[in-house]
Protein backbone atom coordinates (compact mmCIF):
# COMPACT_ATOMS: atom_id res chain seq x y z
CA UNK A 1 23.15 72.54 7.63
CA UNK A 2 25.93 74.76 8.81
CA UNK A 3 28.78 74.17 6.46
CA UNK A 4 27.17 75.64 3.55
CA UNK A 5 28.42 79.32 4.47
CA UNK A 6 31.75 77.53 3.56
CA UNK A 7 29.95 75.89 0.20
CA UNK A 8 28.87 79.30 -0.74
CA UNK A 9 31.98 80.95 -0.26
CA UNK A 10 33.91 78.12 -2.20
CA UNK A 11 31.14 77.99 -4.77
CA UNK A 12 32.04 82.08 -5.90
CA UNK A 13 35.80 80.80 -6.38
CA UNK A 14 36.66 80.44 -10.39
CA UNK A 15 36.99 76.40 -9.68
CA UNK A 16 35.09 74.93 -12.74
CA UNK A 17 32.24 72.67 -12.68
CA UNK A 18 34.54 70.11 -14.56
CA UNK A 19 36.99 70.15 -12.07
CA UNK A 20 34.73 69.68 -9.29
CA UNK A 21 32.94 67.02 -10.83
CA UNK A 22 35.97 65.06 -12.01
CA UNK A 23 37.23 65.56 -8.35
CA UNK A 24 34.13 63.82 -6.84
CA UNK A 25 34.37 60.92 -9.60
CA UNK A 26 31.09 61.70 -11.47
CA UNK A 27 30.97 59.66 -14.47
CA UNK A 28 35.04 59.65 -14.71
CA UNK A 29 37.47 56.96 -13.23
CA UNK A 30 34.65 54.38 -12.49
CA UNK A 31 35.01 50.69 -14.03
CA UNK A 32 33.50 50.95 -17.31
CA UNK A 33 29.86 49.63 -17.51
CA UNK A 34 28.77 46.57 -19.59
CA UNK A 35 28.58 47.57 -23.45
CA UNK A 36 25.22 48.37 -24.81
CA UNK A 37 24.03 49.45 -27.98
CA UNK A 38 24.42 53.04 -28.57
CA UNK A 39 21.48 53.68 -31.14
CA UNK A 40 17.92 54.06 -30.08
CA UNK A 41 15.39 51.18 -30.43
CA UNK A 42 12.10 51.73 -32.39
CA UNK A 43 8.84 50.71 -30.70
CA UNK A 44 6.09 48.71 -32.42
CA UNK A 45 5.12 46.39 -29.93
CA UNK A 46 1.55 47.14 -29.80
CA UNK A 47 1.50 47.86 -26.28
CA UNK A 48 2.99 50.60 -23.58
CA UNK A 49 6.32 50.60 -22.60
CA UNK A 50 6.83 48.62 -19.58
CA UNK A 51 8.83 50.34 -16.51
CA UNK A 52 9.41 48.93 -13.10
CA UNK A 53 10.18 51.17 -10.25
CA UNK A 54 11.56 49.08 -7.36
CA UNK A 55 11.44 50.85 -4.01
CA UNK A 56 8.60 53.24 -2.69
CA UNK A 57 10.44 55.87 -0.71
CA UNK A 58 10.55 59.34 -1.71
CA UNK A 59 12.60 58.48 -4.62
CA UNK A 60 10.71 55.82 -6.12
CA UNK A 61 7.17 57.29 -5.15
CA UNK A 62 8.46 60.38 -7.16
CA UNK A 63 9.84 58.45 -10.20
CA UNK A 64 6.71 56.59 -10.35
CA UNK A 65 4.21 59.48 -10.27
CA UNK A 66 6.08 61.15 -13.43
CA UNK A 67 5.82 57.80 -15.25
CA UNK A 68 2.26 57.16 -14.44
CA UNK A 69 1.21 60.79 -15.77
CA UNK A 70 3.28 59.91 -18.89
CA UNK A 71 1.75 58.47 -22.31
CA UNK A 72 2.15 55.11 -23.52
CA UNK A 73 3.89 53.95 -20.17
CA UNK A 74 2.78 51.47 -17.96
CA UNK A 75 4.39 51.75 -14.44
CA UNK A 76 4.68 49.28 -11.66
CA UNK A 77 5.58 50.22 -8.23
CA UNK A 78 7.28 47.59 -6.22
CA UNK A 79 7.55 48.21 -2.36
CA UNK A 80 8.31 45.31 0.23
CA UNK A 81 6.15 46.84 2.79
CA UNK A 82 3.41 49.62 2.25
CA UNK A 83 3.37 50.85 5.86
CA UNK A 84 7.27 50.57 6.23
CA UNK A 85 8.46 53.01 8.60
CA UNK A 86 12.45 53.66 7.41
CA UNK A 87 14.67 54.85 10.23
CA UNK A 88 15.41 58.34 9.42
CA UNK A 89 15.73 62.29 11.22
CA UNK A 90 12.80 63.26 8.73
CA UNK A 91 14.31 66.78 7.82
CA UNK A 92 13.21 68.19 4.56
CA UNK A 93 14.09 71.50 3.55
CA UNK A 94 11.26 74.28 2.97
CA UNK A 95 11.62 74.46 -0.93
CA UNK A 96 10.27 70.66 -1.37
CA UNK A 97 7.03 71.29 0.60
CA UNK A 98 6.48 73.65 -2.51
CA UNK A 99 8.33 71.87 -5.29
CA UNK A 100 6.52 68.66 -4.25
CA UNK A 101 3.23 69.88 -3.35
CA UNK A 102 3.24 68.38 -0.01
CA UNK A 103 0.34 69.30 2.35
CA UNK A 104 0.33 71.02 5.35
CA UNK A 105 -0.60 68.23 7.70
CA UNK A 106 2.81 65.85 6.35
CA UNK A 107 5.16 68.32 8.38
CA UNK A 108 4.94 67.01 11.87
CA UNK A 109 7.08 69.91 13.51
CA UNK A 110 8.37 73.27 11.93
CA UNK A 111 11.84 73.62 13.58
CA UNK A 112 12.86 77.46 13.62
CA UNK A 113 15.78 77.20 16.18
CA UNK A 114 18.74 74.83 16.39
CA UNK A 115 20.88 74.30 19.37
CA UNK A 116 24.42 73.33 18.60
CA UNK A 117 26.49 71.80 21.59
CA UNK A 118 30.17 71.43 21.49
CA UNK A 119 32.50 68.72 23.09
CA UNK A 120 33.13 70.84 25.95
CA UNK A 121 29.42 71.66 26.33
CA UNK A 122 29.30 74.90 24.70
CA UNK A 123 25.85 75.62 23.57
CA UNK A 124 25.13 78.25 20.44
CA UNK A 125 21.75 79.06 19.59
CA UNK A 126 20.83 79.14 15.63
CA UNK A 127 18.03 80.40 13.74
CA UNK A 128 17.55 84.13 14.23
CA UNK A 129 18.10 85.11 11.15
CA UNK A 130 14.88 83.02 9.64
CA UNK A 131 12.22 84.98 8.71
CA UNK A 132 8.29 84.22 9.81
CA UNK A 133 7.47 82.18 7.59
CA UNK A 134 10.82 80.02 7.28
CA UNK A 135 11.64 76.49 9.06
CA UNK A 136 13.04 73.16 8.60
CA UNK A 137 10.20 70.50 8.13
CA UNK A 138 10.43 67.65 10.58
CA UNK A 139 8.25 64.52 9.12
CA UNK A 140 8.02 61.10 10.15
CA UNK A 141 8.93 58.70 7.04
CA UNK A 142 5.73 56.70 7.15
CA UNK A 143 3.87 59.22 6.95
CA UNK A 144 5.44 61.36 3.93
CA UNK A 145 6.36 57.85 1.94
CA UNK A 146 3.13 56.86 2.22
CA UNK A 147 1.41 60.33 0.78
CA UNK A 148 4.17 60.31 -1.84
CA UNK A 149 3.42 56.44 -3.16
CA UNK A 150 -0.31 57.03 -2.77
CA UNK A 151 -0.29 59.81 -4.90
CA UNK A 152 1.63 58.11 -7.69
CA UNK A 153 -0.84 55.18 -7.50
CA UNK A 154 -3.75 57.65 -7.64
CA UNK A 155 -2.27 58.82 -10.89
CA UNK A 156 -2.05 55.21 -12.36
CA UNK A 157 1.31 53.20 -11.13
CA UNK A 158 0.03 49.88 -10.10
CA UNK A 159 1.54 48.84 -6.95
CA UNK A 160 2.90 45.48 -5.71
CA UNK A 161 3.50 44.53 -2.34
CA UNK A 162 6.65 42.43 -3.09
CA UNK A 163 10.14 42.00 -2.26
CA UNK A 164 12.21 41.69 -5.18
CA UNK A 165 15.09 38.92 -5.11
CA UNK A 166 16.50 38.85 -8.74
CA UNK A 167 16.82 41.12 -11.66
CA UNK A 168 17.84 39.16 -14.47
CA UNK A 169 18.76 39.88 -18.23
CA UNK A 170 20.81 38.44 -21.14
CA UNK A 171 21.77 41.86 -22.59
CA UNK A 172 22.48 44.88 -20.62
CA UNK A 173 19.64 46.66 -22.57
CA UNK A 174 17.30 44.16 -21.48
CA UNK A 175 14.47 42.91 -21.38
CA UNK A 176 14.65 42.43 -17.79
CA UNK A 177 12.97 40.05 -15.69
CA UNK A 178 12.10 40.94 -12.11
CA UNK A 179 11.37 38.02 -9.95
CA UNK A 180 9.76 38.85 -6.48
CA UNK A 181 7.57 37.35 -3.66
CA UNK A 182 4.25 39.03 -3.80
CA UNK A 183 2.40 39.33 -0.55
CA UNK A 184 -1.14 39.54 -0.70
CA UNK A 185 -3.52 41.03 1.79
CA UNK A 186 -4.09 38.20 4.37
CA UNK A 187 -1.12 36.07 3.68
CA UNK A 188 1.73 35.85 5.66
CA UNK A 189 3.82 34.11 2.72
CA UNK A 190 4.95 35.43 -0.17
CA UNK A 191 3.66 34.08 -3.88
CA UNK A 192 7.01 33.60 -6.18
CA UNK A 193 6.15 35.58 -9.08
CA UNK A 194 7.98 37.37 -11.93
CA UNK A 195 7.39 39.91 -14.52
CA UNK A 196 9.08 41.49 -17.77
CA UNK A 197 10.01 45.02 -17.87
CA UNK A 198 11.68 47.49 -20.79
CA UNK A 199 13.20 50.19 -18.09
CA UNK A 200 14.01 49.81 -14.46
CA UNK A 201 14.51 52.71 -11.88
CA UNK A 202 16.16 51.12 -8.89
CA UNK A 203 14.94 53.11 -5.66
CA UNK A 204 15.37 50.36 -3.31
CA UNK A 205 17.90 51.97 -0.48
CA UNK A 206 21.46 51.69 0.36
CA UNK A 207 21.11 47.85 0.05
CA UNK A 208 19.68 47.92 -3.36
CA UNK A 209 19.37 44.53 -5.02
CA UNK A 210 18.99 46.41 -8.51
CA UNK A 211 22.39 47.86 -8.02
CA UNK A 212 23.62 44.47 -7.40
CA UNK A 213 22.11 42.84 -10.40
CA UNK A 214 23.82 45.56 -12.89
CA UNK A 215 27.01 45.38 -10.91
CA UNK A 216 26.99 49.16 -10.19
CA UNK A 217 29.95 48.77 -7.69
CA UNK A 218 30.37 48.80 -3.74
CA UNK A 219 30.24 52.07 -1.62
CA UNK A 220 31.35 52.89 2.03
CA UNK A 221 28.42 53.74 4.34
CA UNK A 222 27.75 54.69 7.84
CA UNK A 223 25.50 53.16 10.28
CA UNK A 224 22.81 55.57 11.66
CA UNK A 225 21.24 54.46 14.96
CA UNK A 226 18.13 56.45 16.70
CA UNK A 227 15.65 55.69 19.26
CA UNK A 228 11.92 57.27 19.12
CA UNK A 229 11.47 58.48 22.78
CA UNK A 230 8.33 59.43 24.21
CA UNK A 231 9.00 62.12 26.92
CA UNK A 232 6.58 64.44 29.30
CA UNK A 233 4.67 66.86 28.14
CA UNK A 234 6.60 69.92 29.31
CA UNK A 235 9.85 68.44 28.09
CA UNK A 236 8.62 67.87 24.45
CA UNK A 237 7.46 71.83 25.04
CA UNK A 238 10.95 72.43 24.98
CA UNK A 239 11.18 70.76 21.57
CA UNK A 240 8.16 72.29 20.17
CA UNK A 241 10.23 74.26 17.23
CA UNK A 242 13.81 73.06 18.59
CA UNK A 243 16.28 70.66 17.20
CA UNK A 244 19.53 69.91 18.97
CA UNK A 245 22.80 68.58 17.29
CA UNK A 246 25.58 67.41 19.44
CA UNK A 247 29.30 66.81 18.57
CA UNK A 248 32.08 65.42 19.94
CA UNK A 249 34.06 62.08 20.24
CA UNK A 250 32.00 60.51 22.78
CA UNK A 251 28.87 60.57 20.45
CA UNK A 252 30.54 60.21 17.08
CA UNK A 253 34.15 60.01 15.86
CA UNK A 254 33.28 61.30 12.61
CA UNK A 255 29.75 62.30 12.87
CA UNK A 256 26.90 63.93 14.84
CA UNK A 257 24.46 63.18 17.34
CA UNK A 258 21.03 64.74 17.46
CA UNK A 259 17.81 65.35 19.14
CA UNK A 260 15.17 65.86 16.76
CA UNK A 261 11.15 66.81 17.59
CA UNK A 262 8.45 64.13 16.06
CA UNK A 263 4.81 64.41 15.94
CA UNK A 264 4.44 63.37 19.82
CA UNK A 265 8.26 62.29 20.53
CA UNK A 266 11.68 63.12 19.66
CA UNK A 267 14.01 60.88 17.88
CA UNK A 268 17.67 60.73 19.56
CA UNK A 269 20.42 59.31 17.47
CA UNK A 270 23.81 59.32 16.20
CA UNK A 271 26.20 57.33 13.62
CA UNK A 272 29.68 56.78 12.24
CA UNK A 273 31.36 55.42 9.39
CA UNK A 274 34.82 54.68 10.89
CA UNK A 275 33.54 52.97 14.26
CA UNK A 276 30.31 51.42 13.29
CA UNK A 277 30.94 48.46 16.00
CA UNK A 278 30.82 50.77 18.73
CA UNK A 279 27.49 52.55 17.60
CA UNK A 280 25.44 51.28 21.05
CA UNK A 281 28.34 53.19 23.21
CA UNK A 282 27.91 56.32 21.13
CA UNK A 283 24.27 55.89 21.44
CA UNK A 284 24.48 55.62 25.06
CA UNK A 285 26.61 58.54 25.28
CA UNK A 286 24.01 60.88 23.27
CA UNK A 287 21.44 59.70 25.64
CA UNK A 288 23.61 60.75 28.74
CA UNK A 289 24.39 64.27 27.28
CA UNK A 290 20.82 65.12 26.43
CA UNK A 291 19.13 63.11 29.73
CA UNK A 292 18.24 66.18 31.53
CA UNK A 293 15.78 67.51 28.82
CA UNK A 294 14.16 64.28 28.31
CA UNK A 295 13.17 64.06 31.70
CA UNK A 296 13.33 61.43 34.64
CA UNK A 297 11.38 58.82 32.75
CA UNK A 298 11.93 58.68 28.86
CA UNK A 299 10.15 55.89 27.19
CA UNK A 300 11.49 54.38 24.10
CA UNK A 301 8.87 53.67 21.45
CA UNK A 302 11.12 52.23 18.67
CA UNK A 303 14.71 51.48 18.30
CA UNK A 304 15.84 52.12 14.50
CA UNK A 305 19.14 51.49 12.78
CA UNK A 306 20.12 51.52 9.06
CA UNK A 307 22.99 52.25 6.49
CA UNK A 308 23.66 55.68 4.96
CA UNK A 309 25.52 55.56 1.62
CA UNK A 310 29.14 57.74 1.80
CA UNK A 311 29.28 58.38 -1.53
CA UNK A 312 27.74 57.68 -5.10
CA UNK A 313 28.18 54.44 -6.61
CA UNK A 314 30.62 53.81 -9.38
CA UNK A 315 27.79 53.20 -12.18
CA UNK A 316 24.34 54.66 -11.71
CA UNK A 317 23.06 53.71 -15.15
CA UNK A 318 23.79 50.27 -16.75
CA UNK A 319 22.03 49.86 -19.92
CA UNK A 320 18.18 50.74 -19.18
CA UNK A 321 18.54 50.62 -15.50
CA UNK A 322 18.97 54.11 -13.72
CA UNK A 323 19.81 54.12 -9.91
CA UNK A 324 18.14 56.92 -7.61
CA UNK A 325 18.09 57.77 -4.08
CA UNK A 326 20.21 55.60 -1.72
CA UNK A 327 20.40 53.19 -4.16
CA UNK A 328 22.75 55.58 -6.41
CA UNK A 329 24.50 56.88 -3.04
CA UNK A 330 22.42 60.72 -3.03
CA UNK A 331 23.13 61.44 0.70
CA UNK A 332 25.29 64.23 1.51
CA UNK A 333 28.14 64.34 3.98
CA UNK A 334 27.91 66.22 7.29
CA UNK A 335 24.37 66.68 7.48
CA UNK A 336 23.14 63.20 6.04
CA UNK A 337 20.47 64.69 4.47
CA UNK A 338 19.08 62.39 1.67
CA UNK A 339 14.96 62.66 1.49
CA UNK A 340 14.95 65.71 -0.52
CA UNK A 341 17.87 64.60 -2.92
CA UNK A 342 16.09 61.16 -3.00
CA UNK A 343 12.76 62.54 -4.22
CA UNK A 344 14.59 64.65 -6.89
CA UNK A 345 16.84 62.12 -8.26
CA UNK A 346 13.63 60.17 -8.58
CA UNK A 347 11.67 62.88 -10.15
CA UNK A 348 14.51 64.22 -12.51
CA UNK A 349 15.55 60.73 -13.60
CA UNK A 350 11.74 59.76 -14.81
CA UNK A 351 11.00 63.02 -16.69
CA UNK A 352 14.50 62.65 -18.51
CA UNK A 353 13.44 59.08 -19.42
CA UNK A 354 9.96 59.68 -20.22
CA UNK A 355 11.10 62.46 -22.35
CA UNK A 356 13.57 60.40 -24.18
CA UNK A 357 10.91 57.56 -25.00
CA UNK A 358 9.21 60.37 -27.18
CA UNK A 359 5.60 59.64 -25.86
CA UNK A 360 6.54 55.73 -25.32
CA UNK A 361 7.51 55.08 -28.86
CA UNK A 362 11.11 54.26 -28.33
CA UNK A 363 13.36 52.90 -25.79
CA UNK A 364 16.20 55.35 -24.96
CA UNK A 365 19.88 54.45 -24.58
CA UNK A 366 22.17 54.00 -21.84
CA UNK A 367 24.25 56.82 -23.25
CA UNK A 368 21.19 59.01 -23.44
CA UNK A 369 20.01 58.43 -19.96
CA UNK A 370 23.74 59.36 -18.86
CA UNK A 371 23.84 62.38 -20.90
CA UNK A 372 20.41 63.46 -19.68
CA UNK A 373 19.76 62.52 -16.06
CA UNK A 374 23.26 62.14 -14.86
CA UNK A 375 24.91 65.19 -16.09
CA UNK A 376 21.93 67.20 -15.04
CA UNK A 377 21.93 65.42 -11.34
CA UNK A 378 25.76 66.02 -11.33
CA UNK A 379 25.69 69.52 -12.48
CA UNK A 380 22.82 70.76 -10.18
CA UNK A 381 24.40 69.16 -6.93
CA UNK A 382 28.01 67.42 -7.70
CA UNK A 383 29.79 70.58 -6.09
CA UNK A 384 27.47 70.27 -3.04
CA UNK A 385 28.45 66.75 -2.42
CA UNK A 386 32.18 67.61 -2.92
CA UNK A 387 32.31 70.35 -0.68
CA UNK A 388 30.40 68.79 2.20
CA UNK A 389 32.83 65.75 1.60
CA UNK A 390 35.71 68.09 2.09
CA UNK A 391 34.26 70.07 5.14
CA UNK A 392 32.94 66.66 6.97
CA UNK A 393 36.70 65.87 6.90
CA UNK A 394 38.15 69.45 7.84
CA UNK A 395 35.43 69.76 11.07
CA UNK A 396 34.67 66.40 12.21
CA UNK A 397 38.09 64.71 12.77
CA UNK A 398 39.03 65.92 16.12
CA UNK A 399 37.40 67.50 19.38
CA UNK A 400 39.60 70.98 18.47
CA UNK A 401 37.72 71.08 14.91
CA UNK A 402 34.43 70.42 16.64
CA UNK A 403 34.61 73.25 18.82
CA UNK A 404 35.66 75.54 16.17
CA UNK A 405 32.47 74.61 14.25
CA UNK A 406 30.30 75.35 17.08
CA UNK A 407 31.80 78.29 17.79
CA UNK A 408 31.56 79.51 13.79
CA UNK A 409 28.18 79.03 14.20
CA UNK A 410 27.53 81.72 16.58
CA UNK A 411 27.92 84.38 13.51
CA UNK A 412 24.97 85.86 11.69
CA UNK A 413 26.61 85.50 8.42
CA UNK A 414 27.29 82.10 8.56
CA UNK A 415 23.50 81.38 9.90
CA UNK A 416 22.04 83.17 7.32
CA UNK A 417 24.05 81.63 4.51
CA UNK A 418 23.71 78.48 5.82
CA UNK A 419 19.91 78.54 6.25
CA UNK A 420 19.23 80.23 2.60
CA UNK A 421 21.22 77.99 0.99
CA UNK A 422 19.61 74.37 3.10
CA UNK A 423 16.33 75.41 2.96
CA UNK A 424 16.23 77.12 -0.92
CA UNK A 425 18.88 74.44 -2.55
CA UNK A 426 20.87 77.38 -4.12
CA UNK A 427 23.71 78.75 -3.13
CA UNK A 428 23.36 82.17 -1.39
CA UNK A 429 25.28 85.06 -0.82
CA UNK A 430 27.42 87.15 -2.85
CA UNK A 431 29.28 89.30 -0.19
CA UNK A 432 33.23 89.01 -0.72
CA UNK A 433 34.26 91.20 2.55
CA UNK A 434 31.83 89.14 4.73
CA UNK A 435 33.53 85.89 3.05
CA UNK A 436 37.29 87.17 3.95
CA UNK A 437 35.75 87.90 7.42
CA UNK A 438 34.57 84.42 7.74
CA UNK A 439 38.10 82.92 6.71
CA UNK A 440 39.87 84.93 9.38
CA UNK A 441 37.17 84.06 11.96
CA UNK A 442 37.53 80.22 11.04
CA UNK A 443 41.42 80.53 11.26
CA UNK A 444 40.69 81.85 14.89
CA UNK A 445 38.11 79.46 15.72
CA UNK A 446 40.19 76.77 14.79
CA UNK A 447 42.94 78.03 17.10
CA UNK A 448 40.55 78.62 19.90
CA UNK A 449 38.78 75.11 19.74
CA UNK A 450 42.29 73.27 19.61
CA UNK A 451 43.27 75.38 23.01
CA UNK A 452 40.30 74.19 24.83
CA UNK A 453 39.04 70.95 23.30
CA UNK A 454 39.99 67.58 25.33
CA UNK A 455 42.02 65.31 23.38
CA UNK A 456 40.05 62.38 21.36
CA UNK A 457 39.84 58.96 22.65
CA UNK A 458 41.60 56.42 20.78
CA UNK A 459 39.95 53.31 19.24
CA UNK A 460 40.96 50.53 16.86
CA UNK A 461 38.77 49.02 14.52
CA UNK A 462 41.06 47.17 11.95
CA UNK A 463 38.83 44.60 10.73
CA UNK A 464 36.38 47.23 9.13
CA UNK A 465 39.00 49.56 8.43
CA UNK A 466 40.50 46.81 5.56
CA UNK A 467 37.19 46.94 4.17
CA UNK A 468 37.08 50.26 3.21
CA UNK A 469 36.92 51.61 -0.25
């Protein structure tokens, strides 16, 4: 969350959006997608348009909701496990509550304070610039996802509890045959099934089979590890509206570790890209650093691990198949935030596709989907992904930089611009004087951080390093 002050300052330079998106590789420099007809296909089928949404998380559920409300479109929502509990920190920005009409009970905790802890143990309290009604929402994915999914189904989406195994097609423009195992109530073994569709939205996560089917390209990924831990009530009181963020090479060589409050427990976790085999060591280190705050007898309720995309896939639209959420690679660097961008991308893709179908009377082309959905998403959020990528490389590379990062978070200006930008997903601030002060303060923090930081431990991970793209 705390890199957005620098993001705001960078946005106020005269760098053009095209330069930013080019540097990020959005629609530029990727391997050409399979060729497809550039002309729209008229519909005279005597039936509604058939749309499949593969994956029932926030991206898939929000896409299915839009399709379900559209005229002359039949939407099928595939989810392998309707009560799935995805491993996730669960943080959502304030703007998401209103934008996606989430009821208050979806938010378990309203975080108004954060504690940043440096490698040397320095603690900086963050949150004093927040207004009384402002907060970061902490959710449980099993609750949030179910609500969004149920809403789409109530509006008319057809739910299928099934594991999609293959997407087959002879031409990039479809039609597409989805082969899946359907799990009916009371049955432990799936029934082999298949169905044909005109359009597919792939919302099936970092290991997307939809992305594989359309040869969307590979991406690097981090591994995130989290334990859900039950702690005594008096210890839980400490985390009532507080989240903690720890940095240091002991808890991660290129990310951060966290303690996030949940409904009646805390989530304690960490992540890494460059040294994934050592994730258990980093988890042990964060448990040690926060041990006093968790109490003498913390009880692990659940252990979770999952991949986090490091960047967007080279191809996100092929023919009439569009990727959204983690399947497309929409997770930000630095914070690892993905829920809002998943929901937003799912909704945005569906809205653009629905508009292109002209009331379900025509099939959109690949270029039309790229020129609407992709261009609008990249224009709105591409610079954010780029700058956060750069800042992660600057501040997560060594303990000196991490000390500087925590030191900078003590600034009221950094806190205000950061929270405002994060909570409302709009770059805030227009204060050149404070921006200049921030620049000099950053330099000072870096010098001071390098002076007090302990040396980073060396590690070797040559096998996975050779696989990095």
